[in-house]
Amino acid sequence: MKTTMDRFGRVVVPRTSGSAGLRPGVEIEIDEKENEVILKLVDHEPSLMMKEGLLVYSGKATGTSGGCPGAP
């Protein structure tokens, strides 16, 4: 797909089949890498969930292991 940016910096994303989850009002994260602009849908699933009576973290790890033994 090709589109253009208007003088206010807005980009119109053409309608798609909806399989990507794009719809009016959806929150999108924008990443820039070299000569690319990447649009990602914001995931609103909770990172902490109860599974079989245990609190489980399912988010992405950030930073370093902080010197924990056996961690990369």
PDB file of N, CA and C in Angstrom:
ATOM      1  N   MET A   1       0.836  -1.178   0.000  1.00  0.00           N
ATOM      2  CA  MET A   1       0.000   0.000   0.000  1.00  0.00           C
ATOM      3  C   MET A   1       0.881   1.241   0.000  1.00  0.00           C
ATOM      4  N   LYS A   2       0.439   2.240  -0.683  1.00  0.00           N
ATOM      5  CA  LYS A   2       1.117   3.528  -0.672  1.00  0.00           C
ATOM      6  C   LYS A   2       0.133   4.601  -0.248  1.00  0.00           C
ATOM      7  N   THR A   3       0.653   5.582   0.475  1.00  0.00           N
ATOM      8  CA  THR A   3      -0.150   6.726   0.901  1.00  0.00           C
ATOM      9  C   THR A   3       0.794   7.908   1.058  1.00  0.00           C
ATOM     10  N   THR A   4       0.281   9.060   1.382  1.00  0.00           N
ATOM     11  CA  THR A   4       1.130  10.239   1.552  1.00  0.00           C
ATOM     12  C   THR A   4       0.849  10.883   2.910  1.00  0.00           C
ATOM     13  N   MET A   5       1.785  11.706   3.352  1.00  0.00           N
ATOM     14  CA  MET A   5       1.634  12.448   4.592  1.00  0.00           C
ATOM     15  C   MET A   5       1.128  13.844   4.242  1.00  0.00           C
ATOM     16  N   ASP A   6       0.151  14.347   5.014  1.00  0.00           N
ATOM     17  CA  ASP A   6      -0.329  15.700   4.734  1.00  0.00           C
ATOM     18  C   ASP A   6       0.552  16.726   5.442  1.00  0.00           C
ATOM     19  N   ARG A   7       0.248  17.999   5.278  1.00  0.00           N
ATOM     20  CA  ARG A   7       1.108  19.056   5.816  1.00  0.00           C
ATOM     21  C   ARG A   7       1.104  19.115   7.339  1.00  0.00           C
ATOM     22  N   PHE A   8       0.164  18.405   7.982  1.00  0.00           N
ATOM     23  CA  PHE A   8       0.103  18.351   9.442  1.00  0.00           C
ATOM     24  C   PHE A   8       0.814  17.118  10.001  1.00  0.00           C
ATOM     25  N   GLY A   9       1.406  16.308   9.125  1.00  0.00           N
ATOM     26  CA  GLY A   9       2.122  15.110   9.553  1.00  0.00           C
ATOM     27  C   GLY A   9       1.234  13.888   9.723  1.00  0.00           C
ATOM     28  N   ARG A  10       0.016  13.964   9.227  1.00  0.00           N
ATOM     29  CA  ARG A  10      -0.914  12.840   9.349  1.00  0.00           C
ATOM     30  C   ARG A  10      -0.803  11.923   8.146  1.00  0.00           C
ATOM     31  N   VAL A  11      -0.964  10.636   8.409  1.00  0.00           N
ATOM     32  CA  VAL A  11      -0.948   9.630   7.352  1.00  0.00           C
ATOM     33  C   VAL A  11      -2.278   8.890   7.407  1.00  0.00           C
ATOM     34  N   VAL A  12      -2.925   8.759   6.272  1.00  0.00           N
ATOM     35  CA  VAL A  12      -4.173   8.004   6.195  1.00  0.00           C
ATOM     36  C   VAL A  12      -3.829   6.575   5.807  1.00  0.00           C
ATOM     37  N   VAL A  13      -4.266   5.620   6.641  1.00  0.00           N
ATOM     38  CA  VAL A  13      -4.065   4.205   6.329  1.00  0.00           C
ATOM     39  C   VAL A  13      -5.306   3.739   5.578  1.00  0.00           C
ATOM     40  N   PRO A  14      -5.129   3.267   4.343  1.00  0.00           N
ATOM     41  CA  PRO A  14      -6.286   2.807   3.570  1.00  0.00           C
ATOM     42  C   PRO A  14      -7.006   1.662   4.267  1.00  0.00           C
ATOM     43  N   ARG A  15      -8.298   1.559   4.034  1.00  0.00           N
ATOM     44  CA  ARG A  15      -9.078   0.465   4.625  1.00  0.00           C
ATOM     45  C   ARG A  15      -8.515  -0.871   4.146  1.00  0.00           C
ATOM     46  N   THR A  16      -8.500  -1.815   5.073  1.00  0.00           N
ATOM     47  CA  THR A  16      -8.037  -3.162   4.743  1.00  0.00           C
ATOM     48  C   THR A  16      -9.154  -4.140   5.050  1.00  0.00           C
ATOM     49  N   SER A  17      -8.880  -5.414   4.899  1.00  0.00           N
ATOM     50  CA  SER A  17      -9.897  -6.435   5.167  1.00  0.00           C
ATOM     51  C   SER A  17     -10.225  -6.539   6.652  1.00  0.00           C
ATOM     52  N   GLY A  18      -9.409  -5.893   7.502  1.00  0.00           N
ATOM     53  CA  GLY A  18      -9.652  -5.948   8.932  1.00  0.00           C
ATOM     54  C   GLY A  18      -8.885  -7.058   9.620  1.00  0.00           C
ATOM     55  N   SER A  19      -8.180  -7.877   8.852  1.00  0.00           N
ATOM     56  CA  SER A  19      -7.456  -8.994   9.449  1.00  0.00           C
ATOM     57  C   SER A  19      -6.303  -8.524  10.321  1.00  0.00           C
ATOM     58  N   ALA A  20      -5.811  -7.309  10.110  1.00  0.00           N
ATOM     59  CA  ALA A  20      -4.714  -6.781  10.927  1.00  0.00           C
ATOM     60  C   ALA A  20      -5.229  -6.169  12.223  1.00  0.00           C
ATOM     61  N   GLY A  21      -6.532  -6.025  12.367  1.00  0.00           N
ATOM     62  CA  GLY A  21      -7.103  -5.447  13.579  1.00  0.00           C
ATOM     63  C   GLY A  21      -7.186  -3.931  13.548  1.00  0.00           C
ATOM     64  N   LEU A  22      -6.900  -3.320  12.397  1.00  0.00           N
ATOM     65  CA  LEU A  22      -6.979  -1.868  12.280  1.00  0.00           C
ATOM     66  C   LEU A  22      -8.440  -1.447  12.147  1.00  0.00           C
ATOM     67  N   ARG A  23      -8.853  -0.529  13.010  1.00  0.00           N
ATOM     68  CA  ARG A  23     -10.209   0.013  12.948  1.00  0.00           C
ATOM     69  C   ARG A  23     -10.184   1.381  13.620  1.00  0.00           C
ATOM     70  N   PRO A  24     -11.155   2.223  13.368  1.00  0.00           N
ATOM     71  CA  PRO A  24     -11.158   3.553  13.974  1.00  0.00           C
ATOM     72  C   PRO A  24     -11.054   3.486  15.497  1.00  0.00           C
ATOM     73  N   GLY A  25     -10.183   4.319  16.062  1.00  0.00           N
ATOM     74  CA  GLY A  25     -10.032   4.403  17.505  1.00  0.00           C
ATOM     75  C   GLY A  25      -9.021   3.454  18.115  1.00  0.00           C
ATOM     76  N   VAL A  26      -8.483   2.512  17.330  1.00  0.00           N
ATOM     77  CA  VAL A  26      -7.514   1.560  17.875  1.00  0.00           C
ATOM     78  C   VAL A  26      -6.196   2.287  18.175  1.00  0.00           C
ATOM     79  N   GLU A  27      -5.539   1.917  19.272  1.00  0.00           N
ATOM     80  CA  GLU A  27      -4.286   2.551  19.657  1.00  0.00           C
ATOM     81  C   GLU A  27      -3.126   1.880  18.918  1.00  0.00           C
ATOM     82  N   ILE A  28      -2.262   2.708  18.335  1.00  0.00           N
ATOM     83  CA  ILE A  28      -1.145   2.215  17.516  1.00  0.00           C
ATOM     84  C   ILE A  28       0.161   2.781  18.054  1.00  0.00           C
ATOM     85  N   GLU A  29       1.165   1.921  18.142  1.00  0.00           N
ATOM     86  CA  GLU A  29       2.512   2.341  18.526  1.00  0.00           C
ATOM     87  C   GLU A  29       3.315   2.546  17.246  1.00  0.00           C
ATOM     88  N   ILE A  30       4.113   3.618  17.203  1.00  0.00           N
ATOM     89  CA  ILE A  30       4.910   3.923  16.007  1.00  0.00           C
ATOM     90  C   ILE A  30       6.383   3.787  16.353  1.00  0.00           C
ATOM     91  N   ASP A  31       7.089   2.947  15.607  1.00  0.00           N
ATOM     92  CA  ASP A  31       8.531   2.767  15.759  1.00  0.00           C
ATOM     93  C   ASP A  31       9.222   3.258  14.502  1.00  0.00           C
ATOM     94  N   GLU A  32      10.368   3.913  14.684  1.00  0.00           N
ATOM     95  CA  GLU A  32      11.182   4.348  13.547  1.00  0.00           C
ATOM     96  C   GLU A  32      12.502   3.599  13.586  1.00  0.00           C
ATOM     97  N   LYS A  33      12.889   3.019  12.453  1.00  0.00           N
ATOM     98  CA  LYS A  33      14.172   2.329  12.319  1.00  0.00           C
ATOM     99  C   LYS A  33      14.740   2.664  10.953  1.00  0.00           C
ATOM    100  N   GLU A  34      15.910   3.287  10.963  1.00  0.00           N
ATOM    101  CA  GLU A  34      16.590   3.705   9.736  1.00  0.00           C
ATOM    102  C   GLU A  34      15.609   4.383   8.791  1.00  0.00           C
ATOM    103  N   ASN A  35      15.264   3.769   7.672  1.00  0.00           N
ATOM    104  CA  ASN A  35      14.359   4.405   6.715  1.00  0.00           C
ATOM    105  C   ASN A  35      12.962   3.772   6.737  1.00  0.00           C
ATOM    106  N   GLU A  36      12.558   3.201   7.896  1.00  0.00           N
ATOM    107  CA  GLU A  36      11.258   2.559   8.012  1.00  0.00           C
ATOM    108  C   GLU A  36      10.450   3.192   9.138  1.00  0.00           C
ATOM    109  N   VAL A  37       9.152   3.217   8.962  1.00  0.00           N
ATOM    110  CA  VAL A  37       8.217   3.577  10.023  1.00  0.00           C
ATOM    111  C   VAL A  37       7.318   2.363  10.198  1.00  0.00           C
ATOM    112  N   ILE A  38       7.277   1.821  11.429  1.00  0.00           N
ATOM    113  CA  ILE A  38       6.554   0.584  11.690  1.00  0.00           C
ATOM    114  C   ILE A  38       5.371   0.888  12.602  1.00  0.00           C
ATOM    115  N   LEU A  39       4.174   0.462  12.190  1.00  0.00           N
ATOM    116  CA  LEU A  39       2.967   0.624  12.987  1.00  0.00           C
ATOM    117  C   LEU A  39       2.658  -0.700  13.668  1.00  0.00           C
ATOM    118  N   LYS A  40       2.428  -0.657  14.990  1.00  0.00           N
ATOM    119  CA  LYS A  40       2.093  -1.868  15.735  1.00  0.00           C
ATOM    120  C   LYS A  40       0.860  -1.591  16.578  1.00  0.00           C
ATOM    121  N   LEU A  41      -0.054  -2.550  16.621  1.00  0.00           N
ATOM    122  CA  LEU A  41      -1.209  -2.421  17.492  1.00  0.00           C
ATOM    123  C   LEU A  41      -0.739  -2.550  18.933  1.00  0.00           C
ATOM    124  N   VAL A  42      -1.266  -1.719  19.816  1.00  0.00           N
ATOM    125  CA  VAL A  42      -0.897  -1.765  21.227  1.00  0.00           C
ATOM    126  C   VAL A  42      -1.645  -2.928  21.869  1.00  0.00           C
ATOM    127  N   ASP A  43      -0.887  -3.789  22.539  1.00  0.00           N
ATOM    128  CA  ASP A  43      -1.447  -4.964  23.196  1.00  0.00           C
ATOM    129  C   ASP A  43      -1.890  -4.579  24.598  1.00  0.00           C
ATOM    130  N   HIS A  44      -3.171  -4.746  24.883  1.00  0.00           N
ATOM    131  CA  HIS A  44      -3.689  -4.359  26.187  1.00  0.00           C
ATOM    132  C   HIS A  44      -3.967  -5.552  27.094  1.00  0.00           C
ATOM    133  N   GLU A  45      -3.390  -6.705  26.766  1.00  0.00           N
ATOM    134  CA  GLU A  45      -3.568  -7.847  27.640  1.00  0.00           C
ATOM    135  C   GLU A  45      -2.790  -7.606  28.926  1.00  0.00           C
ATOM    136  N   PRO A  46      -3.344  -7.991  30.062  1.00  0.00           N
ATOM    137  CA  PRO A  46      -2.607  -7.786  31.308  1.00  0.00           C
ATOM    138  C   PRO A  46      -1.339  -8.631  31.337  1.00  0.00           C
ATOM    139  N   SER A  47      -0.267  -8.057  31.881  1.00  0.00           N
ATOM    140  CA  SER A  47       0.985  -8.805  31.939  1.00  0.00           C
ATOM    141  C   SER A  47       1.017  -9.748  33.138  1.00  0.00           C
ATOM    142  N   LEU A  48       0.156  -9.525  34.127  1.00  0.00           N
ATOM    143  CA  LEU A  48       0.039 -10.434  35.276  1.00  0.00           C
ATOM    144  C   LEU A  48      -1.318 -11.109  35.239  1.00  0.00           C
ATOM    145  N   MET A  49      -1.302 -12.443  35.296  1.00  0.00           N
ATOM    146  CA  MET A  49      -2.539 -13.214  35.248  1.00  0.00           C
ATOM    147  C   MET A  49      -2.454 -14.367  36.235  1.00  0.00           C
ATOM    148  N   MET A  50      -3.604 -14.781  36.728  1.00  0.00           N
ATOM    149  CA  MET A  50      -3.658 -15.953  37.601  1.00  0.00           C
ATOM    150  C   MET A  50      -3.825 -17.190  36.725  1.00  0.00           C
ATOM    151  N   LYS A  51      -2.922 -18.153  36.891  1.00  0.00           N
ATOM    152  CA  LYS A  51      -3.021 -19.427  36.176  1.00  0.00           C
ATOM    153  C   LYS A  51      -2.817 -20.540  37.187  1.00  0.00           C
ATOM    154  N   GLU A  52      -3.828 -21.365  37.335  1.00  0.00           N
ATOM    155  CA  GLU A  52      -3.781 -22.499  38.258  1.00  0.00           C
ATOM    156  C   GLU A  52      -3.356 -22.066  39.663  1.00  0.00           C
ATOM    157  N   GLY A  53      -3.882 -20.920  40.106  1.00  0.00           N
ATOM    158  CA  GLY A  53      -3.613 -20.440  41.455  1.00  0.00           C
ATOM    159  C   GLY A  53      -2.299 -19.708  41.634  1.00  0.00           C
ATOM    160  N   LEU A  54      -1.549 -19.507  40.553  1.00  0.00           N
ATOM    161  CA  LEU A  54      -0.271 -18.802  40.627  1.00  0.00           C
ATOM    162  C   LEU A  54      -0.339 -17.513  39.826  1.00  0.00           C
ATOM    163  N   LEU A  55       0.330 -16.470  40.314  1.00  0.00           N
ATOM    164  CA  LEU A  55       0.417 -15.220  39.588  1.00  0.00           C
ATOM    165  C   LEU A  55       1.558 -15.350  38.579  1.00  0.00           C
ATOM    166  N   VAL A  56       1.239 -15.228  37.286  1.00  0.00           N
ATOM    167  CA  VAL A  56       2.203 -15.458  36.212  1.00  0.00           C
ATOM    168  C   VAL A  56       2.396 -14.172  35.419  1.00  0.00           C
ATOM    169  N   TYR A  57       3.657 -13.798  35.183  1.00  0.00           N
ATOM    170  CA  TYR A  57       4.000 -12.626  34.366  1.00  0.00           C
ATOM    171  C   TYR A  57       4.180 -13.079  32.928  1.00  0.00           C
ATOM    172  N   SER A  58       3.454 -12.451  32.000  1.00  0.00           N
ATOM    173  CA  SER A  58       3.540 -12.852  30.604  1.00  0.00           C
ATOM    174  C   SER A  58       4.009 -11.710  29.703  1.00  0.00           C
ATOM    175  N   GLY A  59       4.540 -10.646  30.299  1.00  0.00           N
ATOM    176  CA  GLY A  59       5.011  -9.511  29.513  1.00  0.00           C
ATOM    177  C   GLY A  59       6.410  -9.745  28.969  1.00  0.00           C
ATOM    178  N   LYS A  60       6.968  -8.712  28.377  1.00  0.00           N
ATOM    179  CA  LYS A  60       8.314  -8.778  27.832  1.00  0.00           C
ATOM    180  C   LYS A  60       9.308  -8.292  28.869  1.00  0.00           C
ATOM    181  N   ALA A  61      10.415  -8.999  28.978  1.00  0.00           N
ATOM    182  CA  ALA A  61      11.478  -8.578  29.886  1.00  0.00           C
ATOM    183  C   ALA A  61      12.213  -7.394  29.283  1.00  0.00           C
ATOM    184  N   THR A  62      12.558  -6.431  30.114  1.00  0.00           N
ATOM    185  CA  THR A  62      13.328  -5.283  29.646  1.00  0.00           C
ATOM    186  C   THR A  62      14.572  -5.139  30.499  1.00  0.00           C
ATOM    187  N   GLY A  63      15.588  -4.533  29.947  1.00  0.00           N
ATOM    188  CA  GLY A  63      16.809  -4.317  30.707  1.00  0.00           C
ATOM    189  C   GLY A  63      17.646  -5.578  30.807  1.00  0.00           C
ATOM    190  N   THR A  64      18.443  -5.651  31.876  1.00  0.00           N
ATOM    191  CA  THR A  64      19.320  -6.802  32.077  1.00  0.00           C
ATOM    192  C   THR A  64      18.822  -7.635  33.238  1.00  0.00           C
ATOM    193  N   SER A  65      19.467  -8.745  33.461  1.00  0.00           N
ATOM    194  CA  SER A  65      19.061  -9.657  34.528  1.00  0.00           C
ATOM    195  C   SER A  65      19.445  -9.139  35.899  1.00  0.00           C
ATOM    196  N   GLY A  66      20.247  -8.077  35.974  1.00  0.00           N
ATOM    197  CA  GLY A  66      20.630  -7.502  37.249  1.00  0.00           C
ATOM    198  C   GLY A  66      21.584  -8.384  38.037  1.00  0.00           C
ATOM    199  N   GLY A  67      22.329  -9.220  37.329  1.00  0.00           N
ATOM    200  CA  GLY A  67      23.315 -10.063  37.998  1.00  0.00           C
ATOM    201  C   GLY A  67      22.751 -11.307  38.623  1.00  0.00           C
ATOM    202  N   CYS A  68      21.560 -11.716  38.253  1.00  0.00           N
ATOM    203  CA  CYS A  68      20.980 -12.939  38.800  1.00  0.00           C
ATOM    204  C   CYS A  68      21.774 -14.144  38.316  1.00  0.00           C
ATOM    205  N   PRO A  69      22.122 -15.061  39.202  1.00  0.00           N
ATOM    206  CA  PRO A  69      22.882 -16.247  38.788  1.00  0.00           C
ATOM    207  C   PRO A  69      22.121 -17.055  37.746  1.00  0.00           C
ATOM    208  N   GLY A  70      22.819 -17.458  36.705  1.00  0.00           N
ATOM    209  CA  GLY A  70      22.235 -18.287  35.661  1.00  0.00           C
ATOM    210  C   GLY A  70      21.441 -17.543  34.614  1.00  0.00           C
ATOM    211  N   ALA A  71      21.255 -16.246  34.797  1.00  0.00           N
ATOM    212  CA  ALA A  71      20.497 -15.442  33.823  1.00  0.00           C
ATOM    213  C   ALA A  71      21.447 -14.855  32.794  1.00  0.00           C
ATOM    214  N   PRO A  72      20.975 -14.708  31.558  1.00  0.00           N
ATOM    215  CA  PRO A  72      21.846 -14.119  30.507  1.00  0.00           C
ATOM    216  C   PRO A  72      22.140 -12.663  30.739  1.00  0.00           C
TER     217      PRO A  72
END
